[in-house]
Amino acid sequence: MITADGIALRRGEKVLFQNARFTFYARNKIGITGSNGSGKSSLFALLLGEMQTDAGTLGIQPGLVISHVAQELPRGARRAIDYVIDGDVELREVQCKLKAAEEQEDADQIGILHEHLGAINGYSAEARANQLLDGLGFKAEDVINPVDYFSGGWRMRLNLARALMCRSDLLLLDEPTNHLDLDAVIWLESWLKHFPGTLLLISHDRSFLDNVVQTICFIDGGALKTYKGNYSAFEVQRASHLAQEKASYIKQQREIDHMKSFVERFRAKATKARQAQSRMKQLAKLELSLIHI
């Protein structure tokens, strides 16, 4: 679980959001939306520990395994399937320890590590990696090719497969469909629906959000607000909220105009001076409240 209590975040001089409060529960799938530059990717950087809050507190459950897609293009002669399997860091650590134990002929440690491999589905790792690569459009014969064999778009798919390979508690995906064709997008939708952890998904693809997420987190004008439901449900709620704000603004503007008229008419009259002063105080409060609408 992730909780934010009154957090504020800046990038340079720009306030991305402030006094933000939210709770992301385990196994929830949340779409992160907002205009370009509103702070969506910065929110991910905050969760990854790459940025720090300027105010408030951010609570992340201890021991949470977080996975995200690297934005740098991978290079090298490592086989594609091995590069993807590397995404399961715990698996690679156990395999390394097992190799050392075998070299030392430590039978007890070898037995313990084989049990550990079984517990984390280590023996099916290659099959899982092949399934991910197949779903993302790689041909069976290509998975043994080196990373350098692939074009930039396909290397980004390798980064996505590597992130999905991690048995994470929290998965952060920033525009994951950018380099995918329709078949791969449909496959990814299905995979994410069955993902057992918490998902935070940045996307401008309304259909993709509708098919995957259960909550929308909207960042706009320095504010961060969550809405229950998919993107279509968010649009309905947002439109209703804006309509209510507009109606409130119009009502308060009428009250302000009425008070201004009263003050102008009676401020100079001794019998009405006290009432005029009272209306001026009310007017100041109303004008201040309009700033926050």
Foldseek 3Di string as FASTA:
>chain_A
DKWWAQWWDDDVPRTLATRATDDFDKQAEEEEDEDPPSCQVVVVCCVVVVDDTPDTDMDDPPPFFEFEFDPDQDDDFAFLLVLLLVLAVVLVVLVVVLVVCVVVVPVVSNVVSVVVCVVVVVVCLSVLLQVLCVLQPDDPVRRRGGSNVDDRLVSSSSSVSSRVSYLGQEYEYAASCPSGDPSSLVSVLVVQQPNRHYYYYYHPDQVSQQSHHQKYWYRDDNYTDIDGGTPVNVVVVVVVVVVVLVVVLVVLVVLLVVLVVVLVVPCPPPVCVVVNVVSVVVNVVSVVVNVVD
